[in-house]
Amino acid sequence: MEALTKTAPGEAVLATKVAEGLKRVLGQVRALSRGLIPVEVDAARLMAALAELASRVGGLHGVTCTFECREPVLLEDNQTASHLYRIAKEAVTNALKHGGAKNITITLESGDRSVALCIWDDGVGFPPGPVEGKGMGLKIMRYRAGLINARLTVSPAESGGTLVSCTLSKGIGDGQEQT
């Protein structure tokens, strides 16, 4: 690079910019490839997996993505944890891809009788009324929620953007498909 700087300074600046761009792209490709490998989420690691998802999304897409969980949330089985993680991942993907969100918050909390996973974004949101969605993302989230006997709602958020909420009654999410 030094030789190029001495002989062709304009081209050296351009080459430096290209090299920096390639480094960024390589980092993005690495992050994307990690996203393609199935994440092993078990009941004990759901909170850590959601925190990692938020961190990875923030770094990769240049948005603010946070995970909030006030108290440890205990689930009964690994399959339920895996489905909740994948619902969160799909909701975040939709917020970025379709909503143009700049801020995303993933929350996980446990009450006396239920566990709630919520994903809020500040994107363009949906128009008022029922959210049907023609794409596969919403269908897949609803399917996964059904597999764990959870209730999935997708609605315009009061503060703007979209709120995806998946509520699971404690003791219900046994990983068995509904019949």
C-alpha atoms as a PDB file:
ATOM      1  CA  MET A   1       0.000   0.000   0.000  1.00  0.00           C
ATOM      2  CA  GLU A   2       2.953   2.319   0.709  1.00  0.00           C
ATOM      3  CA  ALA A   3       4.245   1.971  -2.834  1.00  0.00           C
ATOM      4  CA  LEU A   4       0.813   2.769  -4.234  1.00  0.00           C
ATOM      5  CA  THR A   5       0.532   5.807  -1.963  1.00  0.00           C
ATOM      6  CA  LYS A   6       3.831   7.157  -3.334  1.00  0.00           C
ATOM      7  CA  THR A   7       3.106   6.489  -7.000  1.00  0.00           C
ATOM      8  CA  ALA A   8      -0.668   7.015  -7.173  1.00  0.00           C
ATOM      9  CA  PRO A   9      -2.093   8.695  -4.070  1.00  0.00           C
ATOM     10  CA  GLY A  10      -5.638   8.934  -5.465  1.00  0.00           C
ATOM     11  CA  GLU A  11      -5.756   5.230  -6.204  1.00  0.00           C
ATOM     12  CA  ALA A  12      -4.293   4.471  -2.761  1.00  0.00           C
ATOM     13  CA  VAL A  13      -7.187   6.289  -1.094  1.00  0.00           C
ATOM     14  CA  LEU A  14      -9.638   4.343  -3.236  1.00  0.00           C
ATOM     15  CA  ALA A  15      -7.863   1.043  -2.486  1.00  0.00           C
ATOM     16  CA  THR A  16      -8.015   1.802   1.245  1.00  0.00           C
ATOM     17  CA  LYS A  17     -11.755   2.451   1.026  1.00  0.00           C
ATOM     18  CA  VAL A  18     -12.260  -0.787  -0.913  1.00  0.00           C
ATOM     19  CA  ALA A  19     -10.245  -2.736   1.682  1.00  0.00           C
ATOM     20  CA  GLU A  20     -12.289  -1.232   4.527  1.00  0.00           C
ATOM     21  CA  GLY A  21     -15.510  -2.063   2.695  1.00  0.00           C
ATOM     22  CA  LEU A  22     -14.365  -5.644   2.180  1.00  0.00           C
ATOM     23  CA  LYS A  23     -13.588  -5.984   5.893  1.00  0.00           C
ATOM     24  CA  ARG A  24     -17.111  -4.776   6.736  1.00  0.00           C
ATOM     25  CA  VAL A  25     -18.673  -7.159   4.221  1.00  0.00           C
ATOM     26  CA  LEU A  26     -16.598 -10.061   5.538  1.00  0.00           C
ATOM     27  CA  GLY A  27     -17.812  -9.294   9.063  1.00  0.00           C
ATOM     28  CA  GLN A  28     -21.403  -9.228   7.825  1.00  0.00           C
ATOM     29  CA  VAL A  29     -20.964 -12.524   5.956  1.00  0.00           C
ATOM     30  CA  ARG A  30     -19.552 -14.137   9.089  1.00  0.00           C
ATOM     31  CA  ALA A  31     -22.464 -12.861  11.162  1.00  0.00           C
ATOM     32  CA  LEU A  32     -24.970 -14.030   8.555  1.00  0.00           C
ATOM     33  CA  SER A  33     -23.392 -17.468   8.366  1.00  0.00           C
ATOM     34  CA  ARG A  34     -23.646 -17.782  12.149  1.00  0.00           C
ATOM     35  CA  GLY A  35     -27.333 -16.972  11.722  1.00  0.00           C
ATOM     36  CA  LEU A  36     -27.731 -19.851   9.268  1.00  0.00           C
ATOM     37  CA  ILE A  37     -26.396 -22.437  11.675  1.00  0.00           C
ATOM     38  CA  PRO A  38     -29.183 -23.634  13.936  1.00  0.00           C
ATOM     39  CA  VAL A  39     -28.805 -22.141  17.380  1.00  0.00           C
ATOM     40  CA  GLU A  40     -29.037 -24.715  20.083  1.00  0.00           C
ATOM     41  CA  VAL A  41     -31.490 -23.155  22.487  1.00  0.00           C
ATOM     42  CA  ASP A  42     -32.431 -25.081  25.556  1.00  0.00           C
ATOM     43  CA  ALA A  43     -34.675 -24.095  28.422  1.00  0.00           C
ATOM     44  CA  ALA A  44     -31.707 -22.933  30.506  1.00  0.00           C
ATOM     45  CA  ARG A  45     -30.110 -20.835  27.741  1.00  0.00           C
ATOM     46  CA  LEU A  46     -33.092 -18.976  26.282  1.00  0.00           C
ATOM     47  CA  MET A  47     -32.252 -15.695  28.023  1.00  0.00           C
ATOM     48  CA  ALA A  48     -28.609 -15.867  26.917  1.00  0.00           C
ATOM     49  CA  ALA A  49     -29.635 -16.733  23.349  1.00  0.00           C
ATOM     50  CA  LEU A  50     -32.049 -13.772  23.179  1.00  0.00           C
ATOM     51  CA  ALA A  51     -29.385 -11.420  24.572  1.00  0.00           C
ATOM     52  CA  GLU A  52     -26.932 -12.698  21.962  1.00  0.00           C
ATOM     53  CA  LEU A  53     -29.545 -12.222  19.218  1.00  0.00           C
ATOM     54  CA  ALA A  54     -30.058  -8.590  20.264  1.00  0.00           C
ATOM     55  CA  SER A  55     -26.327  -7.930  20.355  1.00  0.00           C
ATOM     56  CA  ARG A  56     -25.706  -9.574  16.986  1.00  0.00           C
ATOM     57  CA  VAL A  57     -28.581  -7.725  15.296  1.00  0.00           C
ATOM     58  CA  GLY A  58     -27.428  -4.397  16.686  1.00  0.00           C
ATOM     59  CA  GLY A  59     -23.875  -4.912  15.489  1.00  0.00           C
ATOM     60  CA  LEU A  60     -24.745  -6.331  12.097  1.00  0.00           C
ATOM     61  CA  HIS A  61     -27.496  -3.922  11.096  1.00  0.00           C
ATOM     62  CA  GLY A  62     -26.409  -0.761  12.887  1.00  0.00           C
ATOM     63  CA  VAL A  63     -29.636  -0.471  14.858  1.00  0.00           C
ATOM     64  CA  THR A  64     -30.314  -0.360  18.577  1.00  0.00           C
ATOM     65  CA  CYS A  65     -31.555  -3.787  19.623  1.00  0.00           C
ATOM     66  CA  THR A  66     -31.887  -4.553  23.321  1.00  0.00           C
ATOM     67  CA  PHE A  67     -32.964  -7.519  25.403  1.00  0.00           C
ATOM     68  CA  GLU A  68     -34.700  -7.018  28.742  1.00  0.00           C
ATOM     69  CA  CYS A  69     -35.454  -9.705  31.299  1.00  0.00           C
ATOM     70  CA  ARG A  70     -35.890  -8.591  34.916  1.00  0.00           C
ATOM     71  CA  GLU A  71     -35.888 -12.047  36.492  1.00  0.00           C
ATOM     72  CA  PRO A  72     -34.790 -15.484  35.314  1.00  0.00           C
ATOM     73  CA  VAL A  73     -37.483 -17.185  33.253  1.00  0.00           C
ATOM     74  CA  LEU A  74     -37.684 -20.929  33.661  1.00  0.00           C
ATOM     75  CA  LEU A  75     -39.291 -23.046  30.968  1.00  0.00           C
ATOM     76  CA  GLU A  76     -40.271 -26.667  31.143  1.00  0.00           C
ATOM     77  CA  ASP A  77     -38.650 -27.929  27.967  1.00  0.00           C
ATOM     78  CA  ASN A  78     -36.087 -27.227  25.281  1.00  0.00           C
ATOM     79  CA  GLN A  79     -38.547 -27.312  22.391  1.00  0.00           C
ATOM     80  CA  THR A  80     -40.583 -24.463  23.890  1.00  0.00           C
ATOM     81  CA  ALA A  81     -37.420 -22.404  24.371  1.00  0.00           C
ATOM     82  CA  SER A  82     -36.361 -23.072  20.792  1.00  0.00           C
ATOM     83  CA  HIS A  83     -39.733 -22.007  19.372  1.00  0.00           C
ATOM     84  CA  LEU A  84     -39.761 -18.811  21.459  1.00  0.00           C
ATOM     85  CA  TYR A  85     -36.258 -17.974  20.241  1.00  0.00           C
ATOM     86  CA  ARG A  86     -37.219 -18.542  16.604  1.00  0.00           C
ATOM     87  CA  ILE A  87     -40.362 -16.411  17.006  1.00  0.00           C
ATOM     88  CA  ALA A  88     -38.194 -13.591  18.380  1.00  0.00           C
ATOM     89  CA  LYS A  89     -35.697 -13.991  15.557  1.00  0.00           C
ATOM     90  CA  GLU A  90     -38.433 -13.867  12.908  1.00  0.00           C
ATOM     91  CA  ALA A  91     -40.062 -10.818  14.510  1.00  0.00           C
ATOM     92  CA  VAL A  92     -36.715  -9.008  14.561  1.00  0.00           C
ATOM     93  CA  THR A  93     -36.064  -9.973  10.940  1.00  0.00           C
ATOM     94  CA  ASN A  94     -39.484  -8.639   9.934  1.00  0.00           C
ATOM     95  CA  ALA A  95     -38.889  -5.397  11.857  1.00  0.00           C
ATOM     96  CA  LEU A  96     -35.683  -4.821   9.921  1.00  0.00           C
ATOM     97  CA  LYS A  97     -36.775  -6.086   6.526  1.00  0.00           C
ATOM     98  CA  HIS A  98     -40.331  -4.773   6.308  1.00  0.00           C
ATOM     99  CA  GLY A  99     -40.541  -2.118   9.013  1.00  0.00           C
ATOM    100  CA  GLY A 100     -37.250  -0.320   8.570  1.00  0.00           C
ATOM    101  CA  ALA A 101     -36.879  -0.257  12.351  1.00  0.00           C
ATOM    102  CA  LYS A 102     -34.017   1.615  14.000  1.00  0.00           C
ATOM    103  CA  ASN A 103     -34.877   0.510  17.551  1.00  0.00           C
ATOM    104  CA  ILE A 104     -35.971  -2.970  18.610  1.00  0.00           C
ATOM    105  CA  THR A 105     -36.643  -4.225  22.126  1.00  0.00           C
ATOM    106  CA  ILE A 106     -37.019  -7.897  23.011  1.00  0.00           C
ATOM    107  CA  THR A 107     -38.512  -8.602  26.437  1.00  0.00           C
ATOM    108  CA  LEU A 108     -39.038 -11.877  28.244  1.00  0.00           C
ATOM    109  CA  GLU A 109     -40.948 -12.007  31.496  1.00  0.00           C
ATOM    110  CA  SER A 110     -42.635 -14.530  33.676  1.00  0.00           C
ATOM    111  CA  GLY A 111     -45.795 -13.982  35.678  1.00  0.00           C
ATOM    112  CA  ASP A 112     -47.643 -16.265  38.047  1.00  0.00           C
ATOM    113  CA  ARG A 113     -49.381 -18.136  35.253  1.00  0.00           C
ATOM    114  CA  SER A 114     -47.671 -17.172  32.026  1.00  0.00           C
ATOM    115  CA  VAL A 115     -44.477 -16.375  30.183  1.00  0.00           C
ATOM    116  CA  ALA A 116     -44.517 -13.463  27.753  1.00  0.00           C
ATOM    117  CA  LEU A 117     -42.103 -12.779  24.924  1.00  0.00           C
ATOM    118  CA  CYS A 118     -42.573  -9.352  23.330  1.00  0.00           C
ATOM    119  CA  ILE A 119     -40.754  -7.761  20.437  1.00  0.00           C
ATOM    120  CA  TRP A 120     -41.349  -4.047  19.882  1.00  0.00           C
ATOM    121  CA  ASP A 121     -39.947  -2.005  17.030  1.00  0.00           C
ATOM    122  CA  ASP A 122     -40.187   1.607  15.887  1.00  0.00           C
ATOM    123  CA  GLY A 123     -40.597   0.771  12.206  1.00  0.00           C
ATOM    124  CA  VAL A 124     -43.441   1.764   9.907  1.00  0.00           C
ATOM    125  CA  GLY A 125     -45.855  -0.625  11.618  1.00  0.00           C
ATOM    126  CA  PHE A 126     -49.132  -1.992  10.336  1.00  0.00           C
ATOM    127  CA  PRO A 127     -52.298  -0.078   9.568  1.00  0.00           C
ATOM    128  CA  PRO A 128     -54.989  -0.296  12.295  1.00  0.00           C
ATOM    129  CA  GLY A 129     -57.050  -3.482  12.276  1.00  0.00           C
ATOM    130  CA  PRO A 130     -56.242  -7.177  12.187  1.00  0.00           C
ATOM    131  CA  VAL A 131     -52.753  -8.022  10.987  1.00  0.00           C
ATOM    132  CA  GLU A 132     -53.005 -10.870   8.528  1.00  0.00           C
ATOM    133  CA  GLY A 133     -49.770 -10.722   6.577  1.00  0.00           C
ATOM    134  CA  LYS A 134     -49.333 -12.475   3.275  1.00  0.00           C
ATOM    135  CA  GLY A 135     -45.700 -13.401   3.833  1.00  0.00           C
ATOM    136  CA  MET A 136     -44.268 -16.501   5.402  1.00  0.00           C
ATOM    137  CA  GLY A 137     -42.819 -14.748   8.469  1.00  0.00           C
ATOM    138  CA  LEU A 138     -46.121 -14.179  10.273  1.00  0.00           C
ATOM    139  CA  LYS A 139     -47.404 -17.603   9.258  1.00  0.00           C
ATOM    140  CA  ILE A 140     -44.292 -19.290  10.621  1.00  0.00           C
ATOM    141  CA  MET A 141     -44.496 -17.348  13.901  1.00  0.00           C
ATOM    142  CA  ARG A 142     -48.162 -18.313  14.295  1.00  0.00           C
ATOM    143  CA  TYR A 143     -47.365 -21.936  13.484  1.00  0.00           C
ATOM    144  CA  ARG A 144     -44.561 -22.052  16.058  1.00  0.00           C
ATOM    145  CA  ALA A 145     -46.786 -20.426  18.687  1.00  0.00           C
ATOM    146  CA  GLY A 146     -49.448 -23.041  17.971  1.00  0.00           C
ATOM    147  CA  LEU A 147     -46.953 -25.863  18.446  1.00  0.00           C
ATOM    148  CA  ILE A 148     -46.306 -24.722  22.014  1.00  0.00           C
ATOM    149  CA  ASN A 149     -49.936 -23.769  22.721  1.00  0.00           C
ATOM    150  CA  ALA A 150     -49.057 -20.088  22.950  1.00  0.00           C
ATOM    151  CA  ARG A 151     -51.061 -17.055  21.857  1.00  0.00           C
ATOM    152  CA  LEU A 152     -49.364 -14.837  19.275  1.00  0.00           C
ATOM    153  CA  THR A 153     -50.573 -11.303  18.611  1.00  0.00           C
ATOM    154  CA  VAL A 154     -49.157  -8.827  16.137  1.00  0.00           C
ATOM    155  CA  SER A 155     -50.457  -5.296  16.421  1.00  0.00           C
ATOM    156  CA  PRO A 156     -49.565  -1.662  15.907  1.00  0.00           C
ATOM    157  CA  ALA A 157     -47.691  -0.467  18.993  1.00  0.00           C
ATOM    158  CA  GLU A 158     -49.140   2.489  20.898  1.00  0.00           C
ATOM    159  CA  SER A 159     -45.862   4.374  20.558  1.00  0.00           C
ATOM    160  CA  GLY A 160     -45.560   3.547  16.852  1.00  0.00           C
ATOM    161  CA  GLY A 161     -44.079   0.584  15.075  1.00  0.00           C
ATOM    162  CA  THR A 162     -45.158  -2.974  15.731  1.00  0.00           C
ATOM    163  CA  LEU A 163     -45.591  -5.132  18.811  1.00  0.00           C
ATOM    164  CA  VAL A 164     -45.319  -8.908  18.517  1.00  0.00           C
ATOM    165  CA  SER A 165     -46.412 -10.682  21.672  1.00  0.00           C
ATOM    166  CA  CYS A 166     -46.263 -14.408  22.364  1.00  0.00           C
ATOM    167  CA  THR A 167     -47.881 -15.509  25.624  1.00  0.00           C
ATOM    168  CA  LEU A 168     -47.505 -19.009  26.959  1.00  0.00           C
ATOM    169  CA  SER A 169     -49.439 -20.350  29.933  1.00  0.00           C
ATOM    170  CA  LYS A 170     -47.105 -21.975  32.429  1.00  0.00           C
ATOM    171  CA  GLY A 171     -47.257 -25.740  32.337  1.00  0.00           C
ATOM    172  CA  ILE A 172     -48.792 -25.695  28.857  1.00  0.00           C
ATOM    173  CA  GLY A 173     -45.697 -25.507  26.660  1.00  0.00           C
ATOM    174  CA  ASP A 174     -44.774 -29.146  26.706  1.00  0.00           C
ATOM    175  CA  GLY A 175     -43.527 -29.168  23.145  1.00  0.00           C
ATOM    176  CA  GLN A 176     -46.387 -31.325  21.942  1.00  0.00           C
ATOM    177  CA  GLU A 177     -48.338 -30.360  18.865  1.00  0.00           C
ATOM    178  CA  GLN A 178     -51.979 -29.457  19.338  1.00  0.00           C
ATOM    179  CA  THR A 179     -54.460 -32.060  18.142  1.00  0.00           C
END
